N, C-alpha and C. Protein backbone atom coordinates (compact mmCIF):
# COMPACT_ATOMS: atom_id res chain seq x y z
N MET A 1 -2.44 -15.67 -18.50
CA MET A 1 -1.09 -14.91 -18.25
C MET A 1 -0.99 -13.97 -19.30
N ALA A 2 -1.21 -14.47 -20.61
CA ALA A 2 -1.03 -13.78 -21.99
C ALA A 2 -2.24 -12.50 -21.72
N LYS A 3 -3.35 -12.96 -21.29
CA LYS A 3 -4.26 -11.66 -21.69
C LYS A 3 -4.02 -10.51 -20.56
N LYS A 4 -3.58 -10.88 -19.21
CA LYS A 4 -2.85 -9.74 -18.17
C LYS A 4 -1.79 -9.04 -18.94
N LYS A 5 -0.84 -9.62 -19.70
CA LYS A 5 0.04 -8.86 -20.15
C LYS A 5 -0.62 -7.67 -21.32
N ALA A 6 -1.44 -8.21 -22.07
CA ALA A 6 -2.29 -7.48 -23.08
C ALA A 6 -2.97 -6.26 -22.64
N ILE A 7 -3.59 -6.63 -21.41
CA ILE A 7 -4.21 -5.32 -20.96
C ILE A 7 -3.33 -4.46 -20.40
N VAL A 8 -2.17 -4.77 -19.72
CA VAL A 8 -1.28 -4.04 -19.53
C VAL A 8 -0.73 -2.93 -20.49
N VAL A 9 -0.18 -3.76 -21.63
CA VAL A 9 0.25 -2.90 -22.72
C VAL A 9 -0.85 -1.99 -23.30
N GLU A 10 -2.24 -2.37 -23.44
CA GLU A 10 -3.17 -1.57 -23.91
C GLU A 10 -3.44 -0.21 -22.91
N LYS A 11 -3.36 -0.38 -21.90
CA LYS A 11 -3.48 0.47 -20.82
C LYS A 11 -2.53 1.52 -21.09
N ILE A 12 -1.21 1.15 -21.27
CA ILE A 12 -0.02 2.00 -21.49
C ILE A 12 -0.19 2.50 -23.06
N GLN A 13 -0.51 2.01 -23.97
CA GLN A 13 -1.07 2.74 -25.24
C GLN A 13 -1.91 3.86 -25.20
N ASP A 14 -2.93 3.49 -24.39
CA ASP A 14 -4.00 4.59 -24.04
C ASP A 14 -3.42 6.01 -23.53
N ARG A 15 -2.71 5.84 -22.45
CA ARG A 15 -1.83 6.87 -21.95
C ARG A 15 -0.95 7.41 -22.82
N THR A 16 -0.27 6.84 -23.52
CA THR A 16 0.84 7.39 -24.51
C THR A 16 0.16 8.09 -25.41
N LYS A 17 -1.30 7.76 -25.98
CA LYS A 17 -1.81 8.30 -26.99
C LYS A 17 -2.10 9.59 -26.75
N GLU A 18 -2.47 9.99 -25.51
CA GLU A 18 -2.72 11.30 -24.78
C GLU A 18 -1.50 12.01 -24.68
N THR A 19 -0.70 11.59 -24.31
CA THR A 19 0.98 12.07 -24.16
C THR A 19 1.79 12.38 -25.61
N GLY A 20 1.36 11.62 -26.52
CA GLY A 20 2.32 11.86 -27.92
C GLY A 20 3.09 10.39 -27.88
N SER A 21 3.79 10.29 -29.12
CA SER A 21 4.20 9.13 -29.20
C SER A 21 6.04 9.36 -29.31
N CYS A 22 6.81 8.38 -29.26
CA CYS A 22 8.13 8.70 -28.94
C CYS A 22 9.05 7.82 -30.38
N ALA A 23 10.14 8.17 -30.61
CA ALA A 23 10.71 7.72 -31.60
C ALA A 23 11.85 6.53 -31.10
N ASP A 24 11.54 6.26 -29.78
CA ASP A 24 12.34 5.27 -29.41
C ASP A 24 12.16 3.67 -29.89
N ILE A 25 13.26 2.94 -30.70
CA ILE A 25 12.99 1.49 -31.05
C ILE A 25 13.00 0.47 -30.11
N ASP A 26 13.11 0.92 -28.66
CA ASP A 26 13.28 -0.09 -27.67
C ASP A 26 12.18 0.17 -26.58
N CYS A 27 11.22 0.73 -27.16
CA CYS A 27 9.92 1.00 -26.47
C CYS A 27 8.78 -0.19 -26.82
N PRO A 28 8.44 -0.54 -25.32
CA PRO A 28 7.33 -1.56 -25.56
C PRO A 28 6.28 -1.06 -26.32
N VAL A 29 5.73 0.08 -26.16
CA VAL A 29 4.42 0.71 -26.83
C VAL A 29 4.63 1.30 -28.26
N HIS A 30 5.55 1.98 -28.34
CA HIS A 30 5.72 2.61 -29.84
C HIS A 30 6.85 2.03 -30.50
N GLY A 31 7.71 1.22 -30.12
CA GLY A 31 8.64 0.72 -30.84
C GLY A 31 8.37 -0.88 -31.09
N SER A 32 9.60 -1.43 -31.26
CA SER A 32 9.20 -3.26 -31.80
C SER A 32 9.61 -3.97 -30.55
N LEU A 33 10.16 -3.47 -29.26
CA LEU A 33 10.41 -4.51 -28.33
C LEU A 33 9.20 -4.96 -27.65
N LYS A 34 9.38 -6.40 -27.56
CA LYS A 34 8.32 -7.39 -27.11
C LYS A 34 8.40 -7.68 -25.49
N THR A 35 7.49 -7.67 -24.60
CA THR A 35 7.80 -8.18 -23.49
C THR A 35 7.38 -9.53 -23.26
N ARG A 36 7.85 -10.11 -22.33
CA ARG A 36 7.48 -11.62 -22.03
C ARG A 36 7.88 -12.02 -20.63
N GLY A 37 7.56 -12.95 -20.18
CA GLY A 37 8.12 -13.76 -18.78
C GLY A 37 7.80 -13.09 -17.73
N ARG A 38 8.87 -12.89 -16.67
CA ARG A 38 8.60 -12.39 -15.40
C ARG A 38 8.39 -10.74 -15.24
N THR A 39 7.61 -10.72 -14.32
CA THR A 39 7.27 -9.06 -13.90
C THR A 39 7.71 -8.92 -12.49
N PHE A 40 8.41 -7.73 -12.39
CA PHE A 40 8.64 -7.25 -10.99
C PHE A 40 8.38 -6.00 -10.48
N LYS A 41 8.11 -5.50 -9.12
CA LYS A 41 7.80 -4.70 -8.88
C LYS A 41 8.86 -4.07 -7.72
N GLY A 42 9.16 -2.91 -7.64
CA GLY A 42 10.34 -2.61 -6.75
C GLY A 42 10.24 -0.93 -6.69
N TYR A 43 11.25 -0.44 -5.87
CA TYR A 43 11.84 0.94 -5.92
C TYR A 43 12.82 1.20 -6.72
N VAL A 44 12.48 2.55 -7.26
CA VAL A 44 13.58 2.97 -8.04
C VAL A 44 14.86 3.47 -6.98
N THR A 45 15.76 3.25 -7.40
CA THR A 45 17.17 3.53 -6.68
C THR A 45 17.89 4.59 -7.26
N ARG A 46 18.00 4.29 -8.53
CA ARG A 46 18.93 5.27 -9.38
C ARG A 46 18.15 5.32 -10.81
N LYS A 47 18.47 6.67 -11.32
CA LYS A 47 17.74 6.83 -12.59
C LYS A 47 19.03 7.45 -13.70
N LEU A 48 19.27 6.79 -14.52
CA LEU A 48 20.09 7.12 -15.32
C LEU A 48 19.25 7.39 -16.77
N PRO A 49 20.33 8.05 -17.82
CA PRO A 49 19.69 8.20 -19.19
C PRO A 49 19.32 6.84 -19.63
N LYS A 50 18.11 6.53 -19.87
CA LYS A 50 17.75 5.47 -20.73
C LYS A 50 17.65 4.27 -19.64
N ARG A 51 18.14 4.52 -18.60
CA ARG A 51 17.98 3.24 -17.60
C ARG A 51 17.58 3.56 -16.35
N ILE A 52 16.78 2.74 -15.57
CA ILE A 52 16.62 2.84 -14.08
C ILE A 52 16.87 1.44 -13.39
N ALA A 53 17.58 1.70 -12.00
CA ALA A 53 18.04 0.51 -11.34
C ALA A 53 16.69 0.43 -10.35
N ILE A 54 16.08 -0.90 -10.07
CA ILE A 54 15.15 -0.72 -8.97
C ILE A 54 15.63 -1.96 -8.39
N GLU A 55 15.00 -1.88 -6.73
CA GLU A 55 15.58 -2.74 -5.66
C GLU A 55 14.15 -3.26 -5.07
N PHE A 56 14.16 -4.52 -4.79
CA PHE A 56 12.94 -5.24 -3.97
C PHE A 56 13.50 -6.16 -3.10
N GLU A 57 12.89 -6.23 -1.81
CA GLU A 57 13.36 -7.21 -0.94
C GLU A 57 12.66 -8.83 -1.24
N ARG A 58 13.45 -9.63 -0.93
CA ARG A 58 12.76 -11.00 -1.07
C ARG A 58 13.16 -11.76 0.48
N ILE A 59 12.27 -13.01 0.69
CA ILE A 59 12.53 -13.65 1.84
C ILE A 59 13.33 -15.00 1.37
N ILE A 60 14.42 -15.37 1.81
CA ILE A 60 15.07 -16.87 1.52
C ILE A 60 14.93 -17.56 2.72
N HIS A 61 14.49 -18.85 2.74
CA HIS A 61 14.70 -19.95 3.86
C HIS A 61 16.00 -20.39 4.04
N ILE A 62 17.08 -20.60 5.10
CA ILE A 62 18.20 -20.99 5.22
C ILE A 62 18.06 -22.12 5.83
N LYS A 63 18.05 -23.37 5.09
CA LYS A 63 17.69 -24.79 5.75
C LYS A 63 18.55 -25.44 6.90
N LYS A 64 20.05 -24.83 6.74
CA LYS A 64 20.70 -25.44 7.93
C LYS A 64 20.32 -24.86 9.31
N TYR A 65 19.84 -23.63 9.26
CA TYR A 65 19.43 -22.66 10.68
C TYR A 65 18.31 -22.90 10.59
N GLU A 66 17.26 -23.40 9.77
CA GLU A 66 16.00 -23.32 9.95
C GLU A 66 15.31 -21.62 10.33
N ARG A 67 15.99 -20.85 9.59
CA ARG A 67 15.37 -19.42 9.91
C ARG A 67 15.41 -18.73 8.18
N PHE A 68 14.61 -17.71 8.51
CA PHE A 68 14.52 -16.56 7.18
C PHE A 68 15.67 -15.47 7.23
N MET A 69 15.87 -15.05 6.09
CA MET A 69 16.83 -13.98 5.66
C MET A 69 16.41 -13.03 4.77
N LYS A 70 16.37 -11.89 4.73
CA LYS A 70 15.85 -11.16 3.80
C LYS A 70 16.99 -10.52 3.02
N LYS A 71 16.88 -10.69 1.52
CA LYS A 71 17.73 -10.45 0.44
C LYS A 71 17.19 -9.65 -0.32
N LYS A 72 18.20 -8.16 -0.69
CA LYS A 72 17.84 -7.28 -1.70
C LYS A 72 18.29 -7.71 -3.10
N THR A 73 17.27 -7.59 -4.11
CA THR A 73 17.75 -7.70 -5.48
C THR A 73 17.66 -6.52 -6.37
N ARG A 74 18.66 -6.17 -7.06
CA ARG A 74 18.83 -4.85 -7.83
C ARG A 74 18.63 -5.27 -9.44
N ILE A 75 17.77 -4.59 -10.09
CA ILE A 75 17.70 -5.07 -11.56
C ILE A 75 17.50 -3.65 -12.39
N HIS A 76 18.41 -3.85 -13.40
CA HIS A 76 18.52 -2.47 -14.22
C HIS A 76 17.38 -2.84 -15.59
N ALA A 77 16.66 -1.75 -15.92
CA ALA A 77 15.50 -2.03 -16.57
C ALA A 77 15.55 -0.57 -17.65
N ARG A 78 15.19 -0.89 -19.03
CA ARG A 78 15.29 0.12 -19.80
C ARG A 78 14.11 1.22 -19.73
N LEU A 79 14.74 2.47 -19.92
CA LEU A 79 13.21 3.36 -19.79
C LEU A 79 13.15 4.34 -20.95
N PRO A 80 12.11 4.12 -21.64
CA PRO A 80 11.91 4.54 -22.88
C PRO A 80 11.78 6.29 -22.80
N GLN A 81 12.13 6.87 -23.80
CA GLN A 81 12.05 8.29 -23.90
C GLN A 81 10.53 8.90 -23.67
N CYS A 82 9.59 8.16 -23.77
CA CYS A 82 8.29 8.61 -23.85
C CYS A 82 7.80 8.47 -22.23
N MET A 83 8.60 7.89 -21.43
CA MET A 83 8.18 7.65 -20.11
C MET A 83 9.16 8.16 -19.07
N GLU A 84 10.27 8.85 -19.66
CA GLU A 84 11.09 9.35 -18.55
C GLU A 84 10.83 10.27 -17.49
N ASN A 85 9.60 11.19 -17.84
CA ASN A 85 9.03 12.08 -17.21
C ASN A 85 8.36 11.38 -15.86
N GLN A 86 7.93 10.26 -16.01
CA GLN A 86 7.16 9.59 -15.45
C GLN A 86 7.63 9.05 -14.15
N VAL A 87 8.86 8.84 -14.35
CA VAL A 87 9.55 8.33 -13.22
C VAL A 87 10.54 8.96 -12.22
N LYS A 88 10.47 8.78 -10.92
CA LYS A 88 11.31 9.61 -10.09
C LYS A 88 12.20 8.58 -9.34
N ILE A 89 13.15 8.96 -8.31
CA ILE A 89 14.02 7.86 -7.49
C ILE A 89 12.80 8.01 -6.65
N GLY A 90 12.42 6.70 -6.12
CA GLY A 90 11.77 6.20 -4.84
C GLY A 90 10.50 6.01 -5.19
N ASP A 91 9.98 5.84 -6.58
CA ASP A 91 8.65 5.53 -7.20
C ASP A 91 8.68 4.01 -6.92
N TYR A 92 7.46 3.62 -6.95
CA TYR A 92 7.27 2.00 -6.76
C TYR A 92 6.76 1.85 -8.05
N VAL A 93 7.34 1.11 -8.98
CA VAL A 93 7.44 0.76 -10.48
C VAL A 93 7.00 -0.88 -10.84
N MET A 94 6.52 -1.05 -11.92
CA MET A 94 6.77 -2.38 -12.13
C MET A 94 7.56 -2.44 -13.61
N VAL A 95 8.51 -3.51 -13.76
CA VAL A 95 9.15 -3.72 -14.87
C VAL A 95 8.97 -5.27 -15.49
N GLN A 96 9.22 -5.60 -16.83
CA GLN A 96 8.87 -6.69 -17.12
C GLN A 96 10.16 -6.96 -18.15
N GLU A 97 10.12 -8.49 -18.26
CA GLU A 97 11.29 -9.04 -19.04
C GLU A 97 11.08 -9.04 -20.37
N CYS A 98 12.29 -8.84 -21.04
CA CYS A 98 12.22 -8.22 -22.56
C CYS A 98 13.40 -9.25 -22.89
N ARG A 99 14.01 -9.16 -24.41
CA ARG A 99 15.18 -9.79 -24.88
C ARG A 99 16.33 -9.15 -24.09
N PRO A 100 17.70 -9.52 -24.27
CA PRO A 100 18.82 -8.85 -23.59
C PRO A 100 19.15 -7.50 -24.26
N LEU A 101 19.14 -6.32 -23.67
CA LEU A 101 19.21 -5.15 -24.44
C LEU A 101 20.74 -4.68 -24.33
N SER A 102 21.47 -5.32 -23.39
CA SER A 102 22.95 -4.83 -23.06
C SER A 102 23.19 -6.06 -22.12
N LYS A 103 24.59 -5.82 -21.43
CA LYS A 103 25.09 -6.87 -20.51
C LYS A 103 24.26 -7.02 -19.37
N ILE A 104 23.78 -5.49 -18.93
CA ILE A 104 22.84 -5.93 -17.65
C ILE A 104 21.44 -5.46 -17.69
N ILE A 105 20.92 -5.26 -18.83
CA ILE A 105 19.86 -4.68 -19.17
C ILE A 105 18.69 -6.01 -19.66
N HIS A 106 17.96 -6.47 -19.12
CA HIS A 106 16.94 -7.65 -19.60
C HIS A 106 15.68 -7.38 -19.23
N PHE A 107 15.28 -6.05 -18.68
CA PHE A 107 13.99 -5.75 -18.34
C PHE A 107 13.54 -4.20 -18.86
N VAL A 108 12.34 -3.97 -19.18
CA VAL A 108 11.82 -3.14 -19.61
C VAL A 108 10.76 -2.35 -18.61
N PHE A 109 11.27 -0.85 -18.35
CA PHE A 109 9.87 -0.14 -17.33
C PHE A 109 8.48 -0.47 -18.22
N VAL A 110 7.43 -0.75 -17.46
CA VAL A 110 6.14 -1.01 -17.79
C VAL A 110 5.06 0.22 -17.31
N LYS A 111 5.20 0.38 -16.49
CA LYS A 111 4.20 1.53 -15.50
C LYS A 111 4.73 1.86 -13.92
N ASN A 112 4.34 2.99 -13.47
CA ASN A 112 4.65 3.59 -12.60
C ASN A 112 3.38 3.19 -11.73
N LEU A 113 3.54 2.64 -10.79
CA LEU A 113 2.56 2.05 -9.51
C LEU A 113 2.38 3.14 -8.41
N LEU A 114 3.27 3.41 -8.00
CA LEU A 114 3.05 4.86 -7.06
C LEU A 114 4.06 5.70 -7.12
N SER A 115 3.97 7.06 -6.95
CA SER A 115 4.77 7.89 -7.05
C SER A 115 5.61 8.19 -5.57
N ALA A 116 6.75 8.78 -5.56
CA ALA A 116 7.41 8.97 -4.28
C ALA A 116 6.86 10.07 -3.46
N ASP A 117 6.10 10.95 -4.06
CA ASP A 117 5.29 12.06 -3.23
C ASP A 117 4.04 11.51 -2.85
N SER A 118 3.53 10.26 -3.06
CA SER A 118 2.13 9.75 -2.58
C SER A 118 2.19 9.76 -0.92
N GLU A 119 0.85 9.98 -0.63
CA GLU A 119 0.88 9.74 1.03
C GLU A 119 1.31 8.17 1.28
N PHE A 120 0.30 7.54 0.83
CA PHE A 120 0.44 5.98 1.09
C PHE A 120 1.87 5.58 1.08
N LEU A 121 2.75 5.85 0.15
CA LEU A 121 3.91 5.29 0.29
C LEU A 121 4.73 5.71 1.23
N ASN A 122 4.69 7.16 1.87
CA ASN A 122 4.99 7.45 2.86
C ASN A 122 4.95 6.78 3.93
N ALA A 123 3.52 6.48 4.19
CA ALA A 123 3.01 5.65 5.40
C ALA A 123 3.54 4.37 5.59
N GLN A 124 3.81 3.68 4.23
CA GLN A 124 4.48 2.41 4.25
C GLN A 124 5.89 2.24 4.49
N LYS A 125 6.77 3.48 4.26
CA LYS A 125 8.03 3.53 4.62
C LYS A 125 8.38 3.82 6.08
N ILE A 126 7.39 4.65 6.62
CA ILE A 126 7.29 4.54 8.14
C ILE A 126 7.07 3.50 8.98
N LYS A 127 5.91 2.67 8.34
CA LYS A 127 5.60 1.52 9.23
C LYS A 127 6.84 0.28 8.78
N THR A 128 7.55 0.48 7.71
CA THR A 128 8.75 -0.41 7.49
C THR A 128 9.87 -0.24 8.31
N ASN A 129 10.18 1.00 8.74
CA ASN A 129 10.95 1.28 9.71
C ASN A 129 11.01 0.63 10.96
N LYS A 130 11.94 -0.32 11.03
CA LYS A 130 11.84 -1.50 12.32
C LYS A 130 11.75 -0.52 13.57
N LYS A 131 12.66 -0.08 13.79
CA LYS A 131 13.18 0.60 14.79
C LYS A 131 11.91 1.56 15.63
N ASP A 132 11.25 2.54 14.56
CA ASP A 132 9.98 3.22 15.31
C ASP A 132 8.93 2.14 15.24
N PHE A 133 8.91 1.22 14.34
CA PHE A 133 7.52 0.18 14.40
C PHE A 133 7.46 -0.62 15.64
N LEU A 134 8.63 -1.25 15.82
CA LEU A 134 8.46 -1.66 17.30
C LEU A 134 8.83 -1.11 18.43
N GLY A 135 9.10 0.33 18.17
CA GLY A 135 9.29 1.04 19.59
C GLY A 135 10.62 0.83 20.40
N LEU A 136 11.60 0.11 19.61
CA LEU A 136 12.69 0.00 20.41
C LEU A 136 13.34 1.23 21.27
N ASN A 137 13.33 2.43 20.52
CA ASN A 137 13.69 3.70 21.18
C ASN A 137 13.15 3.85 22.51
N LYS A 138 11.87 3.72 22.65
CA LYS A 138 11.41 3.66 23.80
C LYS A 138 11.53 2.82 24.72
N ILE A 139 11.98 1.54 24.22
CA ILE A 139 12.22 0.65 25.15
C ILE A 139 13.56 0.76 26.02
N ARG A 140 14.61 1.40 24.69
CA ARG A 140 16.06 1.45 25.17
C ARG A 140 15.69 2.63 26.43
N GLY A 141 14.94 3.64 26.01
CA GLY A 141 14.94 4.83 27.09
C GLY A 141 14.51 4.21 28.18
N ALA A 142 13.53 3.46 28.33
CA ALA A 142 13.29 2.79 29.43
C ALA A 142 14.07 2.26 30.13
N GLU A 143 14.68 1.62 29.32
CA GLU A 143 16.05 0.48 30.13
C GLU A 143 16.83 1.47 30.75
N GLU A 144 17.12 2.65 30.04
CA GLU A 144 18.16 3.63 30.71
C GLU A 144 17.70 4.14 31.90
N GLU A 145 16.44 4.71 32.13
CA GLU A 145 15.81 5.22 32.94
C GLU A 145 15.77 4.24 34.21
N THR A 146 15.49 2.93 34.07
CA THR A 146 15.34 1.80 35.07
C THR A 146 16.85 1.87 35.81
N ALA A 147 17.92 1.60 34.71
CA ALA A 147 19.17 1.60 35.29
C ALA A 147 19.63 2.86 35.93
N LYS A 148 19.30 4.02 35.70
CA LYS A 148 19.97 5.15 36.67
C LYS A 148 18.98 5.12 37.90
N LYS A 149 17.87 4.73 38.18
CA LYS A 149 17.05 4.47 39.17
C LYS A 149 17.60 3.38 40.22
N ILE A 150 18.13 2.29 39.73
CA ILE A 150 18.79 1.37 40.38
C ILE A 150 20.17 1.78 41.05
N GLN A 151 20.67 2.42 40.10
CA GLN A 151 22.23 3.13 40.60
C GLN A 151 21.85 4.36 41.79
N GLU A 152 20.96 4.88 41.78
CA GLU A 152 20.61 5.89 42.67
C GLU A 152 20.11 5.41 43.98
N ALA A 153 19.50 4.24 43.62
CA ALA A 153 18.85 3.45 45.02
C ALA A 153 19.85 2.83 45.94
N LYS A 154 21.13 2.36 45.33
CA LYS A 154 22.14 1.74 45.99
C LYS A 154 22.87 2.69 46.61
N PRO A 155 23.14 2.43 47.94
CA PRO A 155 24.05 3.22 48.74
C PRO A 155 25.46 3.05 48.39
N GLU A 156 26.22 4.34 48.05
CA GLU A 156 27.55 4.06 47.46
C GLU A 156 28.60 3.65 48.78
N LYS A 157 29.23 2.59 48.79
CA LYS A 157 30.22 2.21 49.60
C LYS A 157 31.27 2.98 49.60
N THR A 158 32.03 3.43 50.82
CA THR A 158 33.09 4.18 50.75
C THR A 158 34.24 3.27 51.02
N LYS A 159 35.34 3.78 50.85
CA LYS A 159 36.65 3.03 51.14
C LYS A 159 36.88 2.43 52.54
N LYS A 160 36.17 2.90 53.41
CA LYS A 160 36.39 2.55 54.73
C LYS A 160 35.52 1.47 54.99
N GLU A 161 34.46 1.30 54.82
CA GLU A 161 33.30 0.34 54.62
C GLU A 161 33.64 -0.81 53.94
N THR A 162 34.31 -0.66 52.78
CA THR A 162 34.96 -2.02 52.14
C THR A 162 36.06 -2.83 52.98
N LYS A 163 37.04 -1.81 53.63
CA LYS A 163 37.83 -2.26 54.41
C LYS A 163 37.72 -2.97 55.63
N GLU A 164 36.43 -2.85 56.37
CA GLU A 164 36.03 -3.28 57.25
C GLU A 164 35.14 -4.70 57.19
């Protein structure tokens, strides 16, 4: 596990050598901030100065009902100065745990996995759209058409016929 973290940090260091260094103390590459523990991957929902909010889905089992439920988790992460230009809203990023930097920030941005402009990410978003993926719009349209045909096929009863 420690080897994987070291490899990730080395790759980041190589990238930042090309772009230049930053004077940020809370940067895992140039500063003294050490990363540890858990890593999460998610989509950037908000970008603020020195901070990003990422969101990802997880599946939880509800024991009582013997069903599964999707829940969204939102995590705030520190965004170092040297990496501010790399992140946009909608990007798929990786964050890693660090010491508490503030009341809500306990993670730091590590790397950008997919940009919001990439074709692969757009294809994934289309696939995960349940209505389009399951074809519910087509099914609903077919149901409406069959309902209209049934109504047209039934002869309308007049008031005189109903009284007899």
